Amino acid sequence: MIPESLQKWMDKKLEKAYEELEHLSQDPSMRAYYEAKMRDIRDYKSRVVGHYQEGLEEGREEGREEGRKEVACNMLAQGFEVKVIASTTGLSPEAIEQLREELKAP
């Protein structure tokens, strides 16, 4: 789902292009030009929505990764073995050791 403000902005751009197409549709060469322009606008809209969705998924993955690290830090603080933490969180033993070092740093 894209934000309503982005959707409104894209809809406004499409509406303006449709109005121009209607106005110039009398001339066949201009009509072909504007039809091509409309395809470009729709393609652009599709790319924007696609990039937005990709950004959301990247953000979700970053959030999940931060959550795994937080759980690992809590487990380290409670004295769990690295092997158990790795199995529980899905983090590599190396990443857990790095977290351990970061926790020791002042």
C-alpha atoms as a PDB file:
ATOM      1  CA  MET A   1       0.000   0.000   0.000  1.00  0.00           C
ATOM      2  CA  ILE A   2       1.394   3.392  -0.906  1.00  0.00           C
ATOM      3  CA  PRO A   3       0.746   6.536   1.134  1.00  0.00           C
ATOM      4  CA  GLU A   4      -2.384   8.454   0.229  1.00  0.00           C
ATOM      5  CA  SER A   5      -0.388  11.635  -0.478  1.00  0.00           C
ATOM      6  CA  LEU A   6       1.793   9.834  -3.037  1.00  0.00           C
ATOM      7  CA  GLN A   7      -1.277   8.255  -4.633  1.00  0.00           C
ATOM      8  CA  LYS A   8      -2.987  11.665  -4.901  1.00  0.00           C
ATOM      9  CA  TRP A   9       0.102  13.206  -6.462  1.00  0.00           C
ATOM     10  CA  MET A  10       0.362  10.442  -9.070  1.00  0.00           C
ATOM     11  CA  ASP A  11      -3.369  10.581  -9.807  1.00  0.00           C
ATOM     12  CA  LYS A  12      -3.173  14.339 -10.321  1.00  0.00           C
ATOM     13  CA  LYS A  13      -0.326  13.894 -12.818  1.00  0.00           C
ATOM     14  CA  LEU A  14      -2.284  11.236 -14.720  1.00  0.00           C
ATOM     15  CA  GLU A  15      -5.406  13.396 -14.770  1.00  0.00           C
ATOM     16  CA  LYS A  16      -3.457  16.334 -16.216  1.00  0.00           C
ATOM     17  CA  ALA A  17      -1.973  14.115 -18.910  1.00  0.00           C
ATOM     18  CA  TYR A  18      -5.421  12.777 -19.829  1.00  0.00           C
ATOM     19  CA  GLU A  19      -6.735  16.342 -20.159  1.00  0.00           C
ATOM     20  CA  GLU A  20      -3.875  17.251 -22.496  1.00  0.00           C
ATOM     21  CA  LEU A  21      -4.463  14.109 -24.535  1.00  0.00           C
ATOM     22  CA  GLU A  22      -8.134  14.961 -24.927  1.00  0.00           C
ATOM     23  CA  HIS A  23      -7.302  18.490 -26.026  1.00  0.00           C
ATOM     24  CA  LEU A  24      -4.753  17.414 -28.622  1.00  0.00           C
ATOM     25  CA  SER A  25      -6.434  14.241 -29.830  1.00  0.00           C
ATOM     26  CA  GLN A  26      -7.653  15.994 -32.962  1.00  0.00           C
ATOM     27  CA  ASP A  27      -4.169  15.801 -34.524  1.00  0.00           C
ATOM     28  CA  PRO A  28      -3.153  12.122 -35.159  1.00  0.00           C
ATOM     29  CA  SER A  29       0.581  12.759 -34.689  1.00  0.00           C
ATOM     30  CA  MET A  30      -0.016  14.625 -31.434  1.00  0.00           C
ATOM     31  CA  ARG A  31      -2.368  11.902 -30.277  1.00  0.00           C
ATOM     32  CA  ALA A  32       0.325   9.272 -30.849  1.00  0.00           C
ATOM     33  CA  TYR A  33       2.810  11.443 -28.972  1.00  0.00           C
ATOM     34  CA  TYR A  34       0.532  11.831 -25.969  1.00  0.00           C
ATOM     35  CA  GLU A  35      -0.445   8.171 -25.935  1.00  0.00           C
ATOM     36  CA  ALA A  36       3.245   7.341 -25.754  1.00  0.00           C
ATOM     37  CA  LYS A  37       3.642   9.939 -23.020  1.00  0.00           C
ATOM     38  CA  MET A  38       0.762   8.361 -21.090  1.00  0.00           C
ATOM     39  CA  ARG A  39       2.438   4.956 -21.306  1.00  0.00           C
ATOM     40  CA  ASP A  40       5.604   6.550 -19.947  1.00  0.00           C
ATOM     41  CA  ILE A  41       3.677   8.090 -17.053  1.00  0.00           C
ATOM     42  CA  ARG A  42       1.963   4.805 -16.206  1.00  0.00           C
ATOM     43  CA  ASP A  43       5.325   3.020 -16.352  1.00  0.00           C
ATOM     44  CA  TYR A  44       6.814   5.676 -14.082  1.00  0.00           C
ATOM     45  CA  LYS A  45       3.942   5.287 -11.625  1.00  0.00           C
ATOM     46  CA  SER A  46       4.456   1.543 -11.617  1.00  0.00           C
ATOM     47  CA  ARG A  47       8.185   1.957 -10.926  1.00  0.00           C
ATOM     48  CA  VAL A  48       7.518   4.413  -8.082  1.00  0.00           C
ATOM     49  CA  VAL A  49       5.072   2.020  -6.462  1.00  0.00           C
ATOM     50  CA  GLY A  50       7.497  -0.870  -6.969  1.00  0.00           C
ATOM     51  CA  HIS A  51      10.392   1.035  -5.425  1.00  0.00           C
ATOM     52  CA  TYR A  52       8.183   2.078  -2.528  1.00  0.00           C
ATOM     53  CA  GLN A  53       7.222  -1.546  -1.890  1.00  0.00           C
ATOM     54  CA  GLU A  54      10.886  -2.602  -2.083  1.00  0.00           C
ATOM     55  CA  GLY A  55      11.760   0.095   0.439  1.00  0.00           C
ATOM     56  CA  LEU A  56       9.081  -1.145   2.809  1.00  0.00           C
ATOM     57  CA  GLU A  57      10.386  -4.692   2.580  1.00  0.00           C
ATOM     58  CA  GLU A  58      13.976  -3.534   3.175  1.00  0.00           C
ATOM     59  CA  GLY A  59      12.800  -1.618   6.233  1.00  0.00           C
ATOM     60  CA  ARG A  60      10.971  -4.651   7.557  1.00  0.00           C
ATOM     61  CA  GLU A  61      14.040  -6.831   7.080  1.00  0.00           C
ATOM     62  CA  GLU A  62      16.228  -4.268   8.858  1.00  0.00           C
ATOM     63  CA  GLY A  63      13.726  -4.248  11.723  1.00  0.00           C
ATOM     64  CA  ARG A  64      13.777  -8.036  11.951  1.00  0.00           C
ATOM     65  CA  GLU A  65      17.579  -8.014  11.961  1.00  0.00           C
ATOM     66  CA  GLU A  66      17.648  -5.427  14.745  1.00  0.00           C
ATOM     67  CA  GLY A  67      15.179  -7.557  16.700  1.00  0.00           C
ATOM     68  CA  ARG A  68      17.396 -10.637  16.333  1.00  0.00           C
ATOM     69  CA  LYS A  69      20.385  -8.628  17.541  1.00  0.00           C
ATOM     70  CA  GLU A  70      18.443  -7.308  20.523  1.00  0.00           C
ATOM     71  CA  VAL A  71      17.403 -10.833  21.504  1.00  0.00           C
ATOM     72  CA  ALA A  72      21.014 -12.000  21.129  1.00  0.00           C
ATOM     73  CA  CYS A  73      22.254  -9.149  23.348  1.00  0.00           C
ATOM     74  CA  ASN A  74      19.697 -10.047  25.996  1.00  0.00           C
ATOM     75  CA  MET A  75      20.691 -13.691  25.819  1.00  0.00           C
ATOM     76  CA  LEU A  76      24.393 -12.787  26.081  1.00  0.00           C
ATOM     77  CA  ALA A  77      23.619 -10.697  29.153  1.00  0.00           C
ATOM     78  CA  GLN A  78      21.866 -13.719  30.675  1.00  0.00           C
ATOM     79  CA  GLY A  79      24.865 -15.953  30.019  1.00  0.00           C
ATOM     80  CA  PHE A  80      23.569 -18.155  27.204  1.00  0.00           C
ATOM     81  CA  GLU A  81      26.138 -19.955  25.063  1.00  0.00           C
ATOM     82  CA  VAL A  82      26.862 -18.577  21.598  1.00  0.00           C
ATOM     83  CA  LYS A  83      25.697 -21.843  20.025  1.00  0.00           C
ATOM     84  CA  VAL A  84      22.282 -21.553  21.718  1.00  0.00           C
ATOM     85  CA  ILE A  85      21.963 -17.882  20.777  1.00  0.00           C
ATOM     86  CA  ALA A  86      22.848 -18.647  17.155  1.00  0.00           C
ATOM     87  CA  SER A  87      20.273 -21.425  17.041  1.00  0.00           C
ATOM     88  CA  THR A  88      17.602 -19.206  18.602  1.00  0.00           C
ATOM     89  CA  THR A  89      18.184 -16.013  16.616  1.00  0.00           C
ATOM     90  CA  GLY A  90      19.554 -17.276  13.326  1.00  0.00           C
ATOM     91  CA  LEU A  91      22.577 -15.011  13.688  1.00  0.00           C
ATOM     92  CA  SER A  92      26.006 -16.420  12.930  1.00  0.00           C
ATOM     93  CA  PRO A  93      28.359 -17.176  15.815  1.00  0.00           C
ATOM     94  CA  GLU A  94      30.686 -14.507  14.409  1.00  0.00           C
ATOM     95  CA  ALA A  95      27.935 -11.887  14.524  1.00  0.00           C
ATOM     96  CA  ILE A  96      27.146 -12.864  18.111  1.00  0.00           C
ATOM     97  CA  GLU A  97      30.805 -12.573  19.106  1.00  0.00           C
ATOM     98  CA  GLN A  98      30.868  -9.137  17.501  1.00  0.00           C
ATOM     99  CA  LEU A  99      27.815  -8.159  19.556  1.00  0.00           C
ATOM    100  CA  ARG A 100      29.567  -9.445  22.673  1.00  0.00           C
ATOM    101  CA  GLU A 101      32.551  -7.189  21.909  1.00  0.00           C
ATOM    102  CA  GLU A 102      30.255  -4.209  21.295  1.00  0.00           C
ATOM    103  CA  LEU A 103      28.569  -4.819  24.650  1.00  0.00           C
ATOM    104  CA  LYS A 104      31.962  -4.780  26.399  1.00  0.00           C
ATOM    105  CA  ALA A 105      32.969  -1.454  24.811  1.00  0.00           C
ATOM    106  CA  PRO A 106      32.348   1.620  27.017  1.00  0.00           C
END
